[in-house]
C-alpha cells in the first residue's frame, strides 16, 4: 500500500492533466489514506478509472501503529471509508499493486476481483553475477548472440520511440494514446526516473526499443517494441537484461509489469528468474451501467455477424 511512481502528482498531471481526483481519509487528525483516480463521463454515467498506461493505482494507506489486530482493523476501516467516497460512480475500475493485502472491503462493496499476475525480480540484494546465473541457459545464449550483432544505446528522443512503436503496430490500433508518451517521458526524465534504450546493429538499423521507468522500489519494464521484419531474435531479451542491470545498479527490484496473458509471454518472462506476484483488477458497475454497456456492444456484434455471412449470388 505504498506510494508508487503512478501515484505521484507529476505522473498524474502528465497522463491525465485536469482529470484526476483524490479522496482522503483522516484518522487522529492526520491523513491515513488516499485514493487517486481519473474521473470522466460517458453519457450520464460517471466513471472512476486509472489514467492510460498506468500499471496500477489503488489506495495508499498508512495505518496506525500497534498490534497486528489493531493495524489490520485500521487498514480495513480506511479502505472502506475511501470506497464509500466513490460509491456514487456508475463504474469503477482499478488495478491494485502486488502485495496489496486487504481485498475484503472491495468484496463487501460489491467489487469483482480478478487476478493480474506479474513477475518480480530481486535485483536489490543480488549481484549481477547471481542474477545472470538465474537466467535460463537458452535465454543467456540468446542474449550472448544478440550482443555479437547489436549495440545497446540510450535514446533521448521520445518522439522517435513513439514513431517506432506506431510503425511496429503494422496498422493495428494502439491500446493507448501515443501522444501521452511525450509528457510522461518529460516528467520522468526531469526527475531522472526513466530511460529509453535501443538495440542497434552495425548498419545503424534499430531492431528494438524499451522504455523503463522507476521509483524508490521498482524499475518497471514499461513499454517494449521491435521491428518484426528485421529484429534479431534476442534484441528484446538483450534490452530487458539491460533493464535488470539498471535495477541492480540502482539497488531496486525489477518489475516485469504484468501482461502474463498467454503461455508464450509467460515462458518468455519466467526465463529471467523472477517470481510470480499477483496484482488484482477490481471493478464495480451499477446495474444500469452494465445494461447500457451491453446494449452498446450489440450493434457491433451484429455487424460482425452480418459481415461474416457469405454473399448470396
Protein backbone atom coordinates (compact mmCIF):
# COMPACT_ATOMS: atom_id res chain seq x y z
CA UNK A 1 0.00 0.00 0.00
CA UNK A 2 2.95 2.21 -0.77
CA UNK A 3 3.05 5.33 -2.92
CA UNK A 4 4.47 4.33 -6.32
CA UNK A 5 5.53 6.38 -9.33
CA UNK A 6 1.97 6.00 -10.62
CA UNK A 7 0.59 7.78 -7.53
CA UNK A 8 2.78 10.86 -7.93
CA UNK A 9 1.19 14.24 -8.71
CA UNK A 10 3.58 14.77 -11.61
CA UNK A 11 2.76 11.40 -13.19
CA UNK A 12 -0.97 12.02 -13.00
CA UNK A 13 -0.54 15.59 -14.26
CA UNK A 14 1.38 14.22 -17.26
CA UNK A 15 -1.03 11.41 -18.12
CA UNK A 16 -4.36 12.96 -17.09
CA UNK A 17 -4.00 16.74 -16.74
CA UNK A 18 -7.06 18.24 -15.09
CA UNK A 19 -8.83 14.88 -14.98
CA UNK A 20 -7.52 13.18 -11.86
CA UNK A 21 -9.10 13.46 -8.44
CA UNK A 22 -8.25 12.39 -4.90
CA UNK A 23 -10.31 11.33 -1.91
CA UNK A 24 -8.72 11.06 1.53
CA UNK A 25 -9.43 9.57 4.92
CA UNK A 26 -8.34 11.11 8.21
CA UNK A 27 -7.60 9.36 11.48
CA UNK A 28 -6.47 11.22 14.58
CA UNK A 29 -6.02 14.49 12.76
CA UNK A 30 -3.77 13.07 10.04
CA UNK A 31 -4.34 11.74 6.52
CA UNK A 32 -4.31 7.97 6.95
CA UNK A 33 -5.36 7.01 3.44
CA UNK A 34 -5.83 8.38 -0.06
CA UNK A 35 -7.22 7.18 -3.37
CA UNK A 36 -6.40 8.82 -6.68
CA UNK A 37 -8.25 8.23 -9.92
CA UNK A 38 -9.32 9.71 -13.23
CA UNK A 39 -12.91 10.86 -13.38
CA UNK A 40 -14.79 11.12 -16.66
CA UNK A 41 -18.33 10.98 -18.01
CA UNK A 42 -19.81 8.54 -20.50
CA UNK A 43 -23.20 9.95 -21.35
CA UNK A 44 -24.92 10.30 -17.99
CA UNK A 45 -22.59 7.78 -16.34
CA UNK A 46 -19.77 8.85 -14.03
CA UNK A 47 -16.67 6.68 -14.36
CA UNK A 48 -13.74 6.29 -11.98
CA UNK A 49 -10.66 4.69 -13.57
CA UNK A 50 -6.87 4.86 -13.95
CA UNK A 51 -5.01 7.04 -16.47
CA UNK A 52 -3.81 5.36 -19.65
CA UNK A 53 -0.52 3.36 -19.46
CA UNK A 54 -0.67 3.48 -15.67
CA UNK A 55 0.05 -0.01 -14.41
CA UNK A 56 -1.71 0.22 -11.06
CA UNK A 57 -3.08 2.79 -8.64
CA UNK A 58 -5.44 1.99 -5.79
CA UNK A 59 -5.45 3.17 -2.18
CA UNK A 60 -2.36 4.31 -0.30
CA UNK A 61 -2.81 3.53 3.38
CA UNK A 62 -0.81 4.47 6.47
CA UNK A 63 -2.45 2.51 9.30
CA UNK A 64 -1.96 3.21 12.97
CA UNK A 65 0.97 1.54 14.69
CA UNK A 66 0.40 -1.14 17.28
CA UNK A 67 -0.71 -4.73 17.50
CA UNK A 68 -1.38 -6.71 14.33
CA UNK A 69 -5.09 -6.91 15.12
CA UNK A 70 -5.37 -3.13 15.52
CA UNK A 71 -3.36 -2.49 12.35
CA UNK A 72 -5.49 -4.88 10.28
CA UNK A 73 -8.68 -3.27 11.56
CA UNK A 74 -7.28 0.16 10.78
CA UNK A 75 -6.40 -0.76 7.18
CA UNK A 76 -9.82 -2.28 6.63
CA UNK A 77 -11.57 0.77 8.05
CA UNK A 78 -9.53 3.24 5.98
CA UNK A 79 -10.11 1.41 2.69
CA UNK A 80 -13.83 1.09 3.45
CA UNK A 81 -14.01 4.83 4.06
CA UNK A 82 -12.23 5.61 0.76
CA UNK A 83 -14.53 3.32 -1.23
CA UNK A 84 -17.62 4.96 0.27
CA UNK A 85 -16.42 8.26 -1.18
CA UNK A 86 -16.55 6.89 -4.75
CA UNK A 87 -19.70 4.82 -4.23
CA UNK A 88 -21.81 7.17 -6.35
CA UNK A 89 -19.82 6.46 -9.51
CA UNK A 90 -21.59 4.27 -12.05
CA UNK A 91 -18.46 2.36 -12.96
CA UNK A 92 -15.16 1.95 -11.09
CA UNK A 93 -12.11 0.04 -12.23
CA UNK A 94 -8.52 -0.06 -10.99
CA UNK A 95 -5.57 -2.40 -10.59
CA UNK A 96 -4.03 -2.86 -7.14
CA UNK A 97 -0.29 -3.24 -6.70
CA UNK A 98 1.27 -6.61 -5.89
CA UNK A 99 1.30 -7.07 -2.13
CA UNK A 100 -1.97 -5.22 -1.59
CA UNK A 101 -3.35 -7.09 1.36
CA UNK A 102 -6.97 -6.37 2.24
CA UNK A 103 -9.40 -7.13 -0.57
CA UNK A 104 -12.29 -7.65 1.83
CA UNK A 105 -13.53 -4.02 1.68
CA UNK A 106 -13.75 -4.28 -2.12
CA UNK A 107 -15.66 -7.55 -1.98
CA UNK A 108 -18.01 -6.17 0.68
CA UNK A 109 -18.66 -3.11 -1.50
CA UNK A 110 -19.67 -5.32 -4.44
CA UNK A 111 -16.47 -5.26 -6.47
CA UNK A 112 -15.44 -8.11 -8.75
CA UNK A 113 -11.84 -9.19 -8.29
CA UNK A 114 -9.62 -10.79 -10.94
CA UNK A 115 -6.00 -11.84 -10.69
CA UNK A 116 -3.50 -9.88 -12.78
CA UNK A 117 -0.12 -11.61 -12.42
CA UNK A 118 3.29 -10.09 -12.92
CA UNK A 119 6.86 -11.21 -12.23
CA UNK A 120 9.19 -9.51 -9.74
CA UNK A 121 12.95 -9.97 -9.55
CA UNK A 122 15.06 -9.01 -6.53
CA UNK A 123 17.93 -7.01 -8.03
CA UNK A 124 18.47 -5.08 -4.79
CA UNK A 125 20.25 -7.76 -2.77
CA UNK A 126 21.77 -9.89 -5.54
CA UNK A 127 24.96 -9.13 -7.51
CA UNK A 128 24.83 -9.11 -11.31
CA UNK A 129 26.64 -12.46 -11.47
CA UNK A 130 23.93 -14.15 -9.41
CA UNK A 131 21.16 -12.54 -11.48
CA UNK A 132 22.84 -13.71 -14.69
CA UNK A 133 23.20 -17.23 -13.29
CA UNK A 134 19.46 -17.21 -12.55
CA UNK A 135 18.55 -16.85 -16.22
CA UNK A 136 17.54 -19.87 -18.21
CA UNK A 137 20.52 -21.20 -20.21
CA UNK A 138 18.68 -20.76 -23.51
CA UNK A 139 17.96 -17.12 -22.66
CA UNK A 140 21.61 -16.47 -21.79
CA UNK A 141 22.67 -17.90 -25.14
CA UNK A 142 20.11 -15.74 -26.98
CA UNK A 143 21.45 -12.63 -25.23
CA UNK A 144 25.07 -13.60 -26.00
CA UNK A 145 24.26 -13.98 -29.69
CA UNK A 146 22.41 -10.65 -29.69
CA UNK A 147 25.46 -8.94 -28.18
CA UNK A 148 27.56 -10.17 -31.09
CA UNK A 149 25.41 -8.24 -33.57
CA UNK A 150 23.76 -5.45 -31.61
CA UNK A 151 24.80 -2.48 -29.50
CA UNK A 152 22.64 -1.06 -26.71
CA UNK A 153 22.23 2.70 -26.93
CA UNK A 154 20.37 5.15 -24.72
CA UNK A 155 17.84 7.21 -26.67
CA UNK A 156 16.73 10.71 -25.68
CA UNK A 157 14.17 11.13 -28.47
CA UNK A 158 10.78 10.03 -27.11
CA UNK A 159 9.08 11.07 -30.36
CA UNK A 160 11.36 8.64 -32.17
CA UNK A 161 10.29 5.93 -29.73
CA UNK A 162 6.61 6.75 -30.34
CA UNK A 163 7.08 6.66 -34.13
CA UNK A 164 8.96 3.37 -33.94
CA UNK A 165 6.26 1.92 -31.65
CA UNK A 166 3.49 3.01 -34.02
CA UNK A 167 5.27 1.66 -37.10
CA UNK A 168 5.68 -1.73 -35.42
CA UNK A 169 1.93 -1.98 -34.84
CA UNK A 170 1.68 -2.82 -38.57
CA UNK A 171 -1.61 -0.97 -38.93
CA UNK A 172 -3.16 -2.16 -35.68
CA UNK A 173 -4.57 0.41 -33.27
CA UNK A 174 -2.51 1.29 -30.21
CA UNK A 175 -4.14 0.46 -26.88
CA UNK A 176 -3.18 3.92 -25.60
CA UNK A 177 -2.82 7.46 -26.92
CA UNK A 178 0.75 7.67 -28.22
CA UNK A 179 0.80 11.44 -27.68
CA UNK A 180 0.96 10.75 -23.93
CA UNK A 181 4.48 9.37 -24.22
CA UNK A 182 5.98 12.83 -24.60
CA UNK A 183 4.60 14.27 -21.34
CA UNK A 184 5.29 11.03 -19.45
CA UNK A 185 8.90 10.92 -20.62
CA UNK A 186 9.50 14.61 -19.95
CA UNK A 187 8.12 14.40 -16.41
CA UNK A 188 10.05 11.25 -15.52
CA UNK A 189 13.21 12.44 -17.28
CA UNK A 190 13.21 15.67 -15.28
CA UNK A 191 13.34 13.53 -12.12
CA UNK A 192 15.86 11.04 -13.53
CA UNK A 193 13.34 8.22 -13.32
CA UNK A 194 13.26 6.86 -16.84
CA UNK A 195 15.44 5.58 -19.66
CA UNK A 196 14.81 4.52 -23.25
CA UNK A 197 17.28 2.05 -24.74
CA UNK A 198 17.59 0.72 -28.28
CA UNK A 199 19.28 -2.33 -29.82
CA UNK A 200 21.06 -1.15 -32.96
CA UNK A 201 23.13 -3.12 -35.49
CA UNK A 202 26.36 -2.10 -37.27
CA UNK A 203 24.38 -0.58 -40.15
CA UNK A 204 22.51 1.74 -37.79
CA UNK A 205 19.26 -0.22 -38.07
CA UNK A 206 17.17 -0.25 -34.92
CA UNK A 207 15.87 -3.70 -34.02
CA UNK A 208 14.02 -2.95 -30.76
CA UNK A 209 13.45 -0.28 -28.13
CA UNK A 210 12.41 -0.49 -24.49
CA UNK A 211 11.14 2.27 -22.19
CA UNK A 212 11.97 1.82 -18.47
CA UNK A 213 10.63 3.91 -15.60
CA UNK A 214 11.34 3.60 -11.87
CA UNK A 215 10.52 4.80 -8.37
CA UNK A 216 12.09 4.08 -4.98
CA UNK A 217 11.38 0.34 -5.15
CA UNK A 218 10.97 -0.93 -8.72
CA UNK A 219 12.33 -0.48 -12.21
CA UNK A 220 9.32 -1.10 -14.43
CA UNK A 221 9.52 -2.80 -17.83
CA UNK A 222 7.17 -0.12 -19.09
CA UNK A 223 6.93 -0.39 -22.88
CA UNK A 224 8.67 -2.56 -25.44
CA UNK A 225 8.58 -2.63 -29.22
CA UNK A 226 10.51 -4.37 -32.00
CA UNK A 227 10.62 -4.29 -35.77
CA UNK A 228 9.42 -7.80 -36.61
CA UNK A 229 10.80 -7.53 -40.13
CA UNK A 230 14.44 -7.12 -39.08
CA UNK A 231 14.68 -7.75 -35.33
CA UNK A 232 17.30 -10.18 -34.06
CA UNK A 233 15.57 -12.94 -32.01
CA UNK A 234 17.44 -11.75 -28.92
CA UNK A 235 17.00 -7.99 -29.34
CA UNK A 236 14.28 -7.55 -26.73
CA UNK A 237 15.92 -10.05 -24.35
CA UNK A 238 19.15 -8.06 -24.54
CA UNK A 239 17.33 -4.84 -23.68
CA UNK A 240 15.37 -6.49 -20.90
CA UNK A 241 18.63 -7.75 -19.38
CA UNK A 242 19.92 -4.17 -19.64
CA UNK A 243 16.93 -3.13 -17.50
CA UNK A 244 17.76 -5.78 -14.93
CA UNK A 245 21.33 -4.48 -14.78
CA UNK A 246 19.92 -0.98 -14.34
CA UNK A 247 17.75 -2.11 -11.43
CA UNK A 248 20.74 -3.78 -9.79
CA UNK A 249 22.86 -0.63 -10.16
CA UNK A 250 20.08 1.45 -8.57
CA UNK A 251 19.50 -1.02 -5.74
CA UNK A 252 15.92 -1.72 -6.82
CA UNK A 253 13.68 -4.65 -7.71
CA UNK A 254 12.71 -5.27 -11.33
CA UNK A 255 9.01 -5.44 -12.21
CA UNK A 256 8.10 -7.18 -15.48
CA UNK A 257 4.83 -5.23 -15.32
CA UNK A 258 2.15 -7.82 -15.86
CA UNK A 259 0.84 -8.79 -19.25
CA UNK A 260 1.13 -12.51 -18.43
CA UNK A 261 -1.94 -13.26 -20.51
CA UNK A 262 -0.72 -16.19 -22.59
CA UNK A 263 1.71 -19.08 -22.44
CA UNK A 264 4.25 -17.51 -24.81
CA UNK A 265 4.50 -14.37 -22.68
CA UNK A 266 4.81 -16.49 -19.53
CA UNK A 267 7.63 -18.60 -20.98
CA UNK A 268 9.49 -15.50 -22.14
CA UNK A 269 9.32 -13.72 -18.78
CA UNK A 270 9.85 -16.67 -16.44
CA UNK A 271 13.18 -17.37 -18.15
CA UNK A 272 14.65 -14.27 -16.47
CA UNK A 273 14.38 -15.74 -12.98
CA UNK A 274 11.65 -13.64 -11.38
CA UNK A 275 8.89 -14.88 -9.12
CA UNK A 276 5.15 -14.59 -9.70
CA UNK A 277 3.38 -11.83 -7.81
CA UNK A 278 -0.33 -11.17 -8.13
CA UNK A 279 -1.94 -7.84 -8.74
CA UNK A 280 -5.70 -7.58 -8.62
CA UNK A 281 -8.10 -5.91 -11.05
CA UNK A 282 -11.13 -4.65 -9.14
CA UNK A 283 -14.30 -3.42 -10.86
CA UNK A 284 -17.77 -2.38 -9.83
CA UNK A 285 -20.68 -1.25 -12.01
CA UNK A 286 -24.27 -0.27 -11.38
CA UNK A 287 -26.96 -2.43 -12.98
CA UNK A 288 -27.96 0.43 -15.32
CA UNK A 289 -24.38 0.89 -16.47
CA UNK A 290 -23.98 -2.82 -17.20
CA UNK A 291 -27.18 -2.85 -19.26
CA UNK A 292 -26.18 0.23 -21.28
CA UNK A 293 -22.67 -1.14 -21.77
CA UNK A 294 -24.05 -4.48 -23.01
CA UNK A 295 -26.58 -2.85 -25.34
CA UNK A 296 -23.85 -0.69 -26.82
CA UNK A 297 -21.97 -3.83 -27.87
CA UNK A 298 -24.93 -5.38 -29.67
CA UNK A 299 -24.78 -3.29 -32.90
CA UNK A 300 -21.07 -4.04 -33.30
CA UNK A 301 -21.68 -7.75 -32.69
CA UNK A 302 -24.50 -7.75 -35.28
CA UNK A 303 -22.32 -6.00 -37.84
CA UNK A 304 -19.57 -8.55 -37.34
CA UNK A 305 -22.08 -11.37 -37.77
CA UNK A 306 -23.57 -9.82 -40.93
CA UNK A 307 -20.15 -9.20 -42.45
CA UNK A 308 -19.22 -12.82 -41.78
CA UNK A 309 -22.18 -14.13 -43.78
CA UNK A 310 -21.34 -15.45 -47.26
CA UNK A 311 -22.53 -13.33 -50.16
CA UNK A 312 -25.67 -14.54 -51.95
CA UNK A 313 -25.48 -14.56 -55.79
